[in-house]
């Protein structure tokens, strides 16, 4: 993402959830990716972190709502801190006003990864735990207890947001 005012790369996410140019301090206009189910915003600035599922691409600096993430433009998976994940779920579920949706779920496809195919944490290089998320949404997430990072596949945060249950 480039600053519309000076053309510099924009990647600083302020506490307000808005992007600002590091060079001219102008607020940047950001929009989620057109095809994103989750409202993923990516800046076009690549991190050193490889995508956990694609492998051959690097994650981009980005955000979901006001939360900083690293995301993949190809598979739209996201890496987020555990604390930001908890806040994001709380905020999105509280703000959601649509109908409750229970998505189709196939444990063979959508369930936790077995020990042979678990994702490796990009920070500490140990296998991430894969388990059914204890909250609403019937999704399996991947988490690293050591680094306190969560990997979400495309559409999982939306499934959690729209699932029936206490808001």
N, C-alpha and C. Protein backbone atom coordinates (compact mmCIF):
# COMPACT_ATOMS: atom_id res chain seq x y z
N UNK A 1 0.86 -1.16 0.00
CA UNK A 1 0.00 0.00 0.00
C UNK A 1 0.90 1.23 0.00
N UNK A 2 0.59 2.17 -0.84
CA UNK A 2 1.35 3.41 -0.95
C UNK A 2 0.53 4.57 -0.42
N UNK A 3 1.23 5.52 0.19
CA UNK A 3 0.58 6.74 0.68
C UNK A 3 0.09 7.54 -0.52
N UNK A 4 -1.17 7.98 -0.48
CA UNK A 4 -1.72 8.77 -1.58
C UNK A 4 -1.13 10.17 -1.61
N UNK A 5 -0.55 10.61 -0.49
CA UNK A 5 0.01 11.95 -0.41
C UNK A 5 1.44 12.02 -0.93
N UNK A 6 2.31 11.10 -0.43
CA UNK A 6 3.73 11.19 -0.79
C UNK A 6 4.27 9.96 -1.53
N UNK A 7 3.50 8.88 -1.62
CA UNK A 7 3.93 7.69 -2.35
C UNK A 7 4.79 6.72 -1.57
N UNK A 8 5.04 7.01 -0.30
CA UNK A 8 5.87 6.12 0.52
C UNK A 8 5.08 4.87 0.91
N UNK A 9 5.78 3.77 1.23
CA UNK A 9 5.05 2.58 1.69
C UNK A 9 4.38 2.83 3.04
N UNK A 10 3.16 2.33 3.18
CA UNK A 10 2.41 2.51 4.42
C UNK A 10 2.24 1.16 5.08
N UNK A 11 2.66 1.05 6.34
CA UNK A 11 2.48 -0.21 7.05
C UNK A 11 2.31 -0.02 8.55
N UNK A 12 2.29 1.22 9.04
CA UNK A 12 2.13 1.46 10.47
C UNK A 12 0.65 1.54 10.83
N UNK A 13 0.23 0.58 11.64
CA UNK A 13 -1.15 0.53 12.11
C UNK A 13 -1.20 1.19 13.47
N UNK A 14 -1.96 2.29 13.58
CA UNK A 14 -2.07 2.98 14.86
C UNK A 14 -3.03 2.27 15.79
N UNK A 15 -3.07 2.71 17.03
CA UNK A 15 -3.96 2.09 18.02
C UNK A 15 -5.42 2.22 17.64
N UNK A 16 -5.73 3.19 16.82
CA UNK A 16 -7.11 3.40 16.40
C UNK A 16 -7.53 2.42 15.32
N UNK A 17 -6.58 1.63 14.81
CA UNK A 17 -6.88 0.72 13.72
C UNK A 17 -6.78 1.38 12.36
N UNK A 18 -6.18 2.57 12.32
CA UNK A 18 -5.98 3.27 11.06
C UNK A 18 -4.51 3.22 10.68
N UNK A 19 -4.26 3.21 9.39
CA UNK A 19 -2.89 3.22 8.89
C UNK A 19 -2.43 4.66 8.69
N UNK A 20 -1.17 4.92 9.04
CA UNK A 20 -0.57 6.23 8.84
C UNK A 20 0.76 6.08 8.13
N UNK A 21 1.06 7.04 7.28
CA UNK A 21 2.33 7.06 6.56
C UNK A 21 3.44 7.42 7.55
N UNK A 22 4.52 6.64 7.56
CA UNK A 22 5.65 6.91 8.43
C UNK A 22 6.42 8.17 8.03
N UNK A 23 6.24 8.61 6.79
CA UNK A 23 7.02 9.73 6.28
C UNK A 23 6.30 11.06 6.40
N UNK A 24 5.03 11.11 6.03
CA UNK A 24 4.33 12.41 6.06
C UNK A 24 3.19 12.43 7.08
N UNK A 25 2.99 11.33 7.80
CA UNK A 25 2.00 11.23 8.87
C UNK A 25 0.56 11.40 8.38
N UNK A 26 0.34 11.15 7.10
CA UNK A 26 -1.00 11.24 6.53
C UNK A 26 -1.74 9.94 6.81
N UNK A 27 -3.04 10.04 7.13
CA UNK A 27 -3.85 8.84 7.31
C UNK A 27 -4.07 8.21 5.94
N UNK A 28 -3.86 6.90 5.86
CA UNK A 28 -4.03 6.18 4.60
C UNK A 28 -5.41 5.56 4.53
N UNK A 29 -5.99 5.58 3.35
CA UNK A 29 -7.27 4.93 3.12
C UNK A 29 -7.00 3.47 2.79
N UNK A 30 -7.59 2.56 3.56
CA UNK A 30 -7.38 1.14 3.32
C UNK A 30 -8.72 0.45 3.08
N UNK A 31 -8.67 -0.54 2.25
CA UNK A 31 -9.85 -1.35 2.00
C UNK A 31 -9.45 -2.81 2.04
N UNK A 32 -10.34 -3.66 2.52
CA UNK A 32 -10.04 -5.09 2.54
C UNK A 32 -9.86 -5.62 1.12
N UNK A 33 -9.18 -6.74 1.00
CA UNK A 33 -9.05 -7.40 -0.29
C UNK A 33 -10.43 -7.70 -0.84
N UNK A 34 -10.61 -7.52 -2.13
CA UNK A 34 -11.92 -7.70 -2.76
C UNK A 34 -12.52 -9.07 -2.49
N UNK A 35 -11.71 -10.10 -2.57
CA UNK A 35 -12.20 -11.47 -2.45
C UNK A 35 -12.10 -12.03 -1.03
N UNK A 36 -11.78 -11.20 -0.06
CA UNK A 36 -11.57 -11.67 1.31
C UNK A 36 -12.88 -11.93 2.03
N UNK A 37 -13.02 -13.13 2.57
CA UNK A 37 -14.20 -13.48 3.38
C UNK A 37 -14.14 -12.82 4.75
N UNK A 38 -12.94 -12.58 5.24
CA UNK A 38 -12.75 -12.12 6.61
C UNK A 38 -12.50 -10.62 6.74
N UNK A 39 -12.42 -9.88 5.63
CA UNK A 39 -12.12 -8.45 5.70
C UNK A 39 -10.63 -8.19 5.87
N UNK A 40 -9.81 -9.04 5.30
CA UNK A 40 -8.36 -8.96 5.43
C UNK A 40 -7.81 -7.76 4.67
N UNK A 41 -7.01 -6.95 5.37
CA UNK A 41 -6.31 -5.81 4.77
C UNK A 41 -4.83 -6.16 4.74
N UNK A 42 -4.22 -6.09 3.55
CA UNK A 42 -2.79 -6.33 3.41
C UNK A 42 -2.15 -5.10 2.79
N UNK A 43 -0.95 -4.76 3.27
CA UNK A 43 -0.30 -3.52 2.86
C UNK A 43 0.59 -3.67 1.64
N UNK A 44 0.93 -4.89 1.26
CA UNK A 44 1.88 -5.07 0.17
C UNK A 44 3.31 -5.09 0.66
N UNK A 45 3.53 -4.89 1.95
CA UNK A 45 4.86 -4.96 2.54
C UNK A 45 5.05 -6.35 3.12
N UNK A 46 6.04 -7.06 2.60
CA UNK A 46 6.26 -8.45 3.00
C UNK A 46 7.11 -8.55 4.26
N UNK A 47 6.77 -9.52 5.08
CA UNK A 47 7.56 -9.82 6.27
C UNK A 47 8.56 -10.92 5.91
N UNK A 48 9.37 -11.30 6.86
CA UNK A 48 10.31 -12.40 6.67
C UNK A 48 9.63 -13.74 6.94
N UNK A 49 8.40 -13.73 7.41
CA UNK A 49 7.69 -14.94 7.80
C UNK A 49 7.08 -15.63 6.59
N UNK A 50 7.43 -16.90 6.35
CA UNK A 50 6.82 -17.61 5.23
C UNK A 50 5.38 -17.99 5.58
N UNK A 51 4.54 -18.14 4.55
CA UNK A 51 3.17 -18.58 4.77
C UNK A 51 3.20 -20.00 5.31
N UNK A 52 2.41 -20.26 6.33
CA UNK A 52 2.41 -21.56 6.98
C UNK A 52 1.78 -22.65 6.11
N UNK A 53 0.88 -22.28 5.20
CA UNK A 53 0.26 -23.30 4.35
C UNK A 53 0.79 -23.28 2.92
N UNK A 54 1.03 -22.11 2.36
CA UNK A 54 1.55 -22.04 0.99
C UNK A 54 3.04 -22.38 0.94
N UNK A 55 3.78 -21.91 1.94
CA UNK A 55 5.20 -22.23 2.05
C UNK A 55 6.13 -21.42 1.16
N UNK A 56 5.75 -21.17 -0.08
CA UNK A 56 6.66 -20.51 -1.01
C UNK A 56 6.43 -19.00 -1.11
N UNK A 57 5.54 -18.45 -0.31
CA UNK A 57 5.32 -17.01 -0.28
C UNK A 57 5.55 -16.50 1.14
N UNK A 58 5.81 -15.23 1.26
CA UNK A 58 5.97 -14.62 2.58
C UNK A 58 4.70 -13.88 2.96
N UNK A 59 4.44 -13.83 4.25
CA UNK A 59 3.27 -13.14 4.76
C UNK A 59 3.46 -11.63 4.65
N UNK A 60 2.36 -10.93 4.41
CA UNK A 60 2.38 -9.47 4.32
C UNK A 60 1.91 -8.88 5.64
N UNK A 61 2.42 -7.68 5.93
CA UNK A 61 1.94 -6.91 7.08
C UNK A 61 0.51 -6.48 6.77
N UNK A 62 -0.38 -6.60 7.75
CA UNK A 62 -1.75 -6.22 7.49
C UNK A 62 -2.56 -6.12 8.76
N UNK A 63 -3.88 -6.18 8.60
CA UNK A 63 -4.77 -6.06 9.75
C UNK A 63 -6.11 -6.71 9.49
N UNK A 64 -6.76 -7.04 10.58
CA UNK A 64 -8.18 -7.40 10.60
C UNK A 64 -8.79 -6.41 11.59
N UNK A 65 -9.68 -5.59 11.11
CA UNK A 65 -10.24 -4.52 11.92
C UNK A 65 -9.09 -3.68 12.47
N UNK A 66 -8.95 -3.55 13.78
CA UNK A 66 -7.88 -2.73 14.34
C UNK A 66 -6.70 -3.57 14.84
N UNK A 67 -6.68 -4.85 14.48
CA UNK A 67 -5.67 -5.78 14.99
C UNK A 67 -4.60 -6.08 13.94
N UNK A 68 -3.35 -5.89 14.34
CA UNK A 68 -2.23 -6.17 13.44
C UNK A 68 -2.11 -7.67 13.23
N UNK A 69 -1.89 -8.05 11.99
CA UNK A 69 -1.72 -9.46 11.62
C UNK A 69 -0.63 -9.55 10.56
N UNK A 70 -0.26 -10.77 10.25
CA UNK A 70 0.50 -11.06 9.04
C UNK A 70 -0.39 -12.00 8.24
N UNK A 71 -0.57 -11.71 6.96
CA UNK A 71 -1.50 -12.50 6.16
C UNK A 71 -0.94 -12.89 4.81
N UNK A 72 -1.54 -13.91 4.23
CA UNK A 72 -1.13 -14.40 2.92
C UNK A 72 -2.17 -13.99 1.88
N UNK A 73 -1.72 -13.32 0.85
CA UNK A 73 -2.61 -12.86 -0.21
C UNK A 73 -3.16 -14.05 -1.00
N UNK A 74 -2.39 -15.13 -1.10
CA UNK A 74 -2.80 -16.28 -1.91
C UNK A 74 -3.88 -17.12 -1.21
N UNK A 75 -3.59 -17.61 0.00
CA UNK A 75 -4.53 -18.50 0.70
C UNK A 75 -5.41 -17.75 1.70
N UNK A 76 -5.07 -16.50 1.99
CA UNK A 76 -5.76 -15.62 2.93
C UNK A 76 -5.76 -16.15 4.37
N UNK A 77 -4.75 -16.96 4.70
CA UNK A 77 -4.54 -17.35 6.07
C UNK A 77 -3.92 -16.20 6.83
N UNK A 78 -4.11 -16.18 8.17
CA UNK A 78 -3.55 -15.09 8.97
C UNK A 78 -2.84 -15.63 10.20
N UNK A 79 -1.80 -14.93 10.59
CA UNK A 79 -1.06 -15.19 11.81
C UNK A 79 -1.32 -14.00 12.73
N UNK A 80 -1.85 -14.29 13.92
CA UNK A 80 -2.27 -13.23 14.84
C UNK A 80 -1.87 -13.61 16.26
N UNK A 81 -1.60 -12.62 17.09
CA UNK A 81 -1.27 -12.93 18.48
C UNK A 81 -2.52 -13.47 19.17
N UNK A 82 -2.31 -14.31 20.17
CA UNK A 82 -3.44 -14.92 20.88
C UNK A 82 -4.33 -13.86 21.53
N UNK A 83 -3.73 -12.83 22.11
CA UNK A 83 -4.53 -11.79 22.76
C UNK A 83 -5.36 -11.01 21.74
N UNK A 84 -4.78 -10.70 20.58
CA UNK A 84 -5.53 -10.01 19.53
C UNK A 84 -6.65 -10.89 18.98
N UNK A 85 -6.38 -12.18 18.87
CA UNK A 85 -7.40 -13.12 18.40
C UNK A 85 -8.61 -13.09 19.35
N UNK A 86 -8.36 -13.15 20.64
CA UNK A 86 -9.44 -13.14 21.63
C UNK A 86 -10.25 -11.85 21.54
N UNK A 87 -9.58 -10.71 21.43
CA UNK A 87 -10.28 -9.43 21.30
C UNK A 87 -11.06 -9.34 19.99
N UNK A 88 -10.46 -9.81 18.91
CA UNK A 88 -11.12 -9.78 17.60
C UNK A 88 -12.40 -10.59 17.63
N UNK A 89 -12.35 -11.79 18.21
CA UNK A 89 -13.55 -12.62 18.31
C UNK A 89 -14.62 -11.90 19.12
N UNK A 90 -14.23 -11.36 20.26
CA UNK A 90 -15.19 -10.66 21.13
C UNK A 90 -15.82 -9.47 20.39
N UNK A 91 -15.00 -8.65 19.76
CA UNK A 91 -15.50 -7.45 19.07
C UNK A 91 -16.40 -7.80 17.90
N UNK A 92 -15.98 -8.76 17.10
CA UNK A 92 -16.78 -9.11 15.92
C UNK A 92 -18.10 -9.76 16.31
N UNK A 93 -18.08 -10.63 17.31
CA UNK A 93 -19.33 -11.28 17.73
C UNK A 93 -20.29 -10.26 18.34
N UNK A 94 -19.76 -9.32 19.10
CA UNK A 94 -20.61 -8.29 19.71
C UNK A 94 -21.22 -7.37 18.65
N UNK A 95 -20.49 -7.09 17.59
CA UNK A 95 -20.96 -6.17 16.56
C UNK A 95 -21.82 -6.84 15.49
N UNK A 96 -21.79 -8.15 15.42
CA UNK A 96 -22.50 -8.87 14.36
C UNK A 96 -24.01 -8.80 14.57
N UNK A 97 -24.74 -8.37 13.55
CA UNK A 97 -26.18 -8.25 13.66
C UNK A 97 -26.94 -9.13 12.69
N UNK A 98 -26.22 -9.96 11.94
CA UNK A 98 -26.88 -10.80 10.94
C UNK A 98 -27.45 -12.07 11.56
N UNK A 99 -27.97 -12.90 10.68
CA UNK A 99 -28.54 -14.18 11.11
C UNK A 99 -27.42 -15.14 11.53
N UNK A 100 -27.73 -15.97 12.52
CA UNK A 100 -26.77 -17.00 12.93
C UNK A 100 -26.62 -18.01 11.81
N UNK A 101 -25.38 -18.39 11.53
CA UNK A 101 -25.09 -19.32 10.45
C UNK A 101 -24.25 -20.46 11.01
N UNK A 102 -24.70 -21.67 10.72
CA UNK A 102 -23.92 -22.84 11.09
C UNK A 102 -23.39 -23.43 9.78
N UNK A 103 -22.10 -23.24 9.50
CA UNK A 103 -21.57 -23.70 8.22
C UNK A 103 -21.50 -25.22 8.15
N UNK A 104 -21.48 -25.73 6.92
CA UNK A 104 -21.25 -27.15 6.71
C UNK A 104 -19.88 -27.48 7.29
N UNK A 105 -19.76 -28.64 7.87
CA UNK A 105 -18.50 -28.99 8.54
C UNK A 105 -18.19 -30.46 8.29
N UNK A 106 -17.02 -30.72 7.78
CA UNK A 106 -16.56 -32.09 7.56
C UNK A 106 -15.29 -32.27 8.40
N UNK A 107 -15.36 -33.03 9.50
CA UNK A 107 -14.18 -33.18 10.37
C UNK A 107 -12.94 -33.68 9.63
N UNK A 108 -13.14 -34.45 8.58
CA UNK A 108 -11.99 -34.95 7.83
C UNK A 108 -11.26 -33.81 7.11
N UNK A 109 -12.03 -32.80 6.69
CA UNK A 109 -11.42 -31.68 5.97
C UNK A 109 -11.17 -30.49 6.88
N UNK A 110 -12.11 -30.24 7.79
CA UNK A 110 -12.07 -29.02 8.60
C UNK A 110 -11.58 -29.24 10.02
N UNK A 111 -11.28 -30.48 10.37
CA UNK A 111 -10.87 -30.79 11.74
C UNK A 111 -9.40 -30.48 11.98
N UNK A 112 -8.93 -30.74 13.20
CA UNK A 112 -7.54 -30.50 13.53
C UNK A 112 -6.61 -31.32 12.64
N UNK A 113 -5.43 -30.79 12.41
CA UNK A 113 -4.43 -31.52 11.62
C UNK A 113 -3.87 -32.64 12.48
N UNK A 114 -3.59 -33.77 11.84
CA UNK A 114 -2.99 -34.86 12.63
C UNK A 114 -1.51 -34.55 12.84
N UNK A 115 -0.87 -35.35 13.67
CA UNK A 115 0.52 -35.05 14.05
C UNK A 115 1.49 -35.13 12.88
N UNK A 116 1.10 -35.75 11.77
CA UNK A 116 1.99 -35.84 10.60
C UNK A 116 1.94 -34.59 9.73
N UNK A 117 0.87 -33.82 9.83
CA UNK A 117 0.72 -32.67 8.94
C UNK A 117 0.55 -31.35 9.69
N UNK A 118 0.95 -31.31 10.95
CA UNK A 118 0.80 -30.06 11.71
C UNK A 118 1.69 -28.97 11.14
N UNK A 119 1.23 -27.74 11.30
CA UNK A 119 2.00 -26.59 10.83
C UNK A 119 3.15 -26.31 11.78
N UNK A 120 4.22 -25.77 11.25
CA UNK A 120 5.36 -25.38 12.07
C UNK A 120 5.25 -23.90 12.40
N UNK A 121 5.49 -23.57 13.66
CA UNK A 121 5.48 -22.17 14.07
C UNK A 121 6.62 -21.44 13.36
N UNK A 122 6.33 -20.33 12.70
CA UNK A 122 7.38 -19.61 11.99
C UNK A 122 8.35 -18.89 12.92
N UNK A 123 7.97 -18.69 14.19
CA UNK A 123 8.84 -17.98 15.13
C UNK A 123 9.81 -18.91 15.83
N UNK A 124 9.30 -20.02 16.36
CA UNK A 124 10.17 -20.91 17.16
C UNK A 124 10.40 -22.26 16.51
N UNK A 125 9.81 -22.49 15.35
CA UNK A 125 10.05 -23.70 14.54
C UNK A 125 9.68 -25.01 15.23
N UNK A 126 8.66 -25.00 16.08
CA UNK A 126 8.13 -26.23 16.67
C UNK A 126 6.73 -26.45 16.10
N UNK A 127 6.26 -27.71 16.09
CA UNK A 127 4.91 -27.95 15.57
C UNK A 127 3.85 -27.21 16.39
N UNK A 128 2.93 -26.59 15.71
CA UNK A 128 1.83 -25.90 16.38
C UNK A 128 0.79 -26.93 16.78
N UNK A 129 0.05 -26.63 17.85
CA UNK A 129 -1.05 -27.49 18.26
C UNK A 129 -2.24 -27.19 17.37
N UNK A 130 -2.91 -28.23 16.93
CA UNK A 130 -4.10 -28.10 16.11
C UNK A 130 -5.27 -28.69 16.88
N UNK A 131 -6.33 -27.90 17.07
CA UNK A 131 -7.43 -28.36 17.91
C UNK A 131 -8.72 -27.63 17.52
N UNK A 132 -9.84 -28.21 17.94
CA UNK A 132 -11.11 -27.54 17.72
C UNK A 132 -11.19 -26.34 18.65
N UNK A 133 -11.53 -25.19 18.09
CA UNK A 133 -11.70 -23.98 18.85
C UNK A 133 -12.83 -24.20 19.86
N UNK A 134 -12.61 -23.83 21.11
CA UNK A 134 -13.57 -24.11 22.18
C UNK A 134 -14.79 -23.20 22.13
N UNK A 135 -14.72 -22.13 21.38
CA UNK A 135 -15.86 -21.23 21.27
C UNK A 135 -16.77 -21.62 20.12
N UNK A 136 -17.62 -20.70 19.71
CA UNK A 136 -18.57 -20.99 18.62
C UNK A 136 -17.87 -21.09 17.27
N UNK A 137 -18.53 -21.74 16.34
CA UNK A 137 -18.06 -21.72 14.96
C UNK A 137 -17.59 -23.04 14.40
N UNK A 138 -17.41 -24.04 15.22
CA UNK A 138 -16.98 -25.35 14.74
C UNK A 138 -15.80 -25.27 13.79
N UNK A 139 -14.74 -24.62 14.21
CA UNK A 139 -13.53 -24.53 13.40
C UNK A 139 -12.35 -25.11 14.18
N UNK A 140 -11.37 -25.55 13.44
CA UNK A 140 -10.12 -26.02 14.04
C UNK A 140 -9.07 -24.95 13.79
N UNK A 141 -8.35 -24.59 14.84
CA UNK A 141 -7.31 -23.57 14.70
C UNK A 141 -5.97 -24.18 15.08
N UNK A 142 -4.92 -23.48 14.69
CA UNK A 142 -3.56 -23.90 15.01
C UNK A 142 -2.95 -22.84 15.90
N UNK A 143 -2.26 -23.28 16.95
CA UNK A 143 -1.75 -22.34 17.94
C UNK A 143 -0.38 -22.78 18.44
N UNK A 144 0.47 -21.80 18.73
CA UNK A 144 1.77 -22.07 19.34
C UNK A 144 1.74 -21.51 20.76
N UNK A 145 1.83 -22.39 21.75
CA UNK A 145 1.81 -21.95 23.15
C UNK A 145 3.06 -21.16 23.50
N UNK A 146 4.17 -21.52 22.92
CA UNK A 146 5.44 -20.86 23.22
C UNK A 146 5.44 -19.41 22.75
N UNK A 147 4.99 -19.17 21.53
CA UNK A 147 5.00 -17.82 20.94
C UNK A 147 3.68 -17.08 21.10
N UNK A 148 2.65 -17.78 21.55
CA UNK A 148 1.31 -17.20 21.71
C UNK A 148 0.81 -16.59 20.41
N UNK A 149 0.91 -17.40 19.34
CA UNK A 149 0.42 -17.01 18.03
C UNK A 149 -0.63 -18.01 17.59
N UNK A 150 -1.60 -17.53 16.80
CA UNK A 150 -2.67 -18.37 16.28
C UNK A 150 -2.67 -18.24 14.76
N UNK A 151 -2.82 -19.38 14.07
CA UNK A 151 -2.97 -19.38 12.61
C UNK A 151 -4.42 -19.70 12.30
N UNK A 152 -5.04 -18.84 11.50
CA UNK A 152 -6.43 -19.04 11.07
C UNK A 152 -6.46 -19.18 9.55
N UNK A 153 -7.15 -20.20 9.08
CA UNK A 153 -7.34 -20.36 7.64
C UNK A 153 -8.43 -19.40 7.18
N UNK A 154 -8.50 -19.17 5.89
CA UNK A 154 -9.49 -18.28 5.29
C UNK A 154 -10.90 -18.68 5.72
N UNK A 155 -11.66 -17.70 6.19
CA UNK A 155 -13.06 -17.91 6.55
C UNK A 155 -13.31 -18.34 7.98
N UNK A 156 -12.26 -18.71 8.72
CA UNK A 156 -12.49 -19.20 10.07
C UNK A 156 -12.96 -18.11 11.02
N UNK A 157 -12.44 -16.91 10.92
CA UNK A 157 -12.89 -15.84 11.83
C UNK A 157 -14.34 -15.46 11.50
N UNK A 158 -14.72 -15.55 10.24
CA UNK A 158 -16.11 -15.27 9.86
C UNK A 158 -17.04 -16.35 10.39
N UNK A 159 -16.61 -17.61 10.32
CA UNK A 159 -17.42 -18.71 10.85
C UNK A 159 -17.64 -18.54 12.36
N UNK A 160 -16.60 -18.10 13.06
CA UNK A 160 -16.72 -17.87 14.51
C UNK A 160 -17.67 -16.70 14.78
N UNK A 161 -17.55 -15.65 13.99
CA UNK A 161 -18.38 -14.45 14.16
C UNK A 161 -19.86 -14.75 13.97
N UNK A 162 -20.18 -15.50 12.92
CA UNK A 162 -21.58 -15.71 12.53
C UNK A 162 -22.22 -16.89 13.23
N UNK A 163 -21.48 -17.66 14.01
CA UNK A 163 -22.01 -18.87 14.65
C UNK A 163 -23.03 -18.52 15.74
N UNK A 164 -24.00 -19.42 15.92
CA UNK A 164 -24.96 -19.20 17.00
C UNK A 164 -24.26 -19.23 18.36
N UNK A 165 -24.90 -18.63 19.32
CA UNK A 165 -24.35 -18.63 20.68
C UNK A 165 -24.41 -17.25 21.29
N UNK A 166 -23.99 -17.17 22.53
CA UNK A 166 -24.02 -15.91 23.27
C UNK A 166 -23.15 -14.87 22.60
N UNK A 167 -23.64 -13.67 22.52
CA UNK A 167 -22.90 -12.58 21.89
C UNK A 167 -22.47 -11.64 22.99
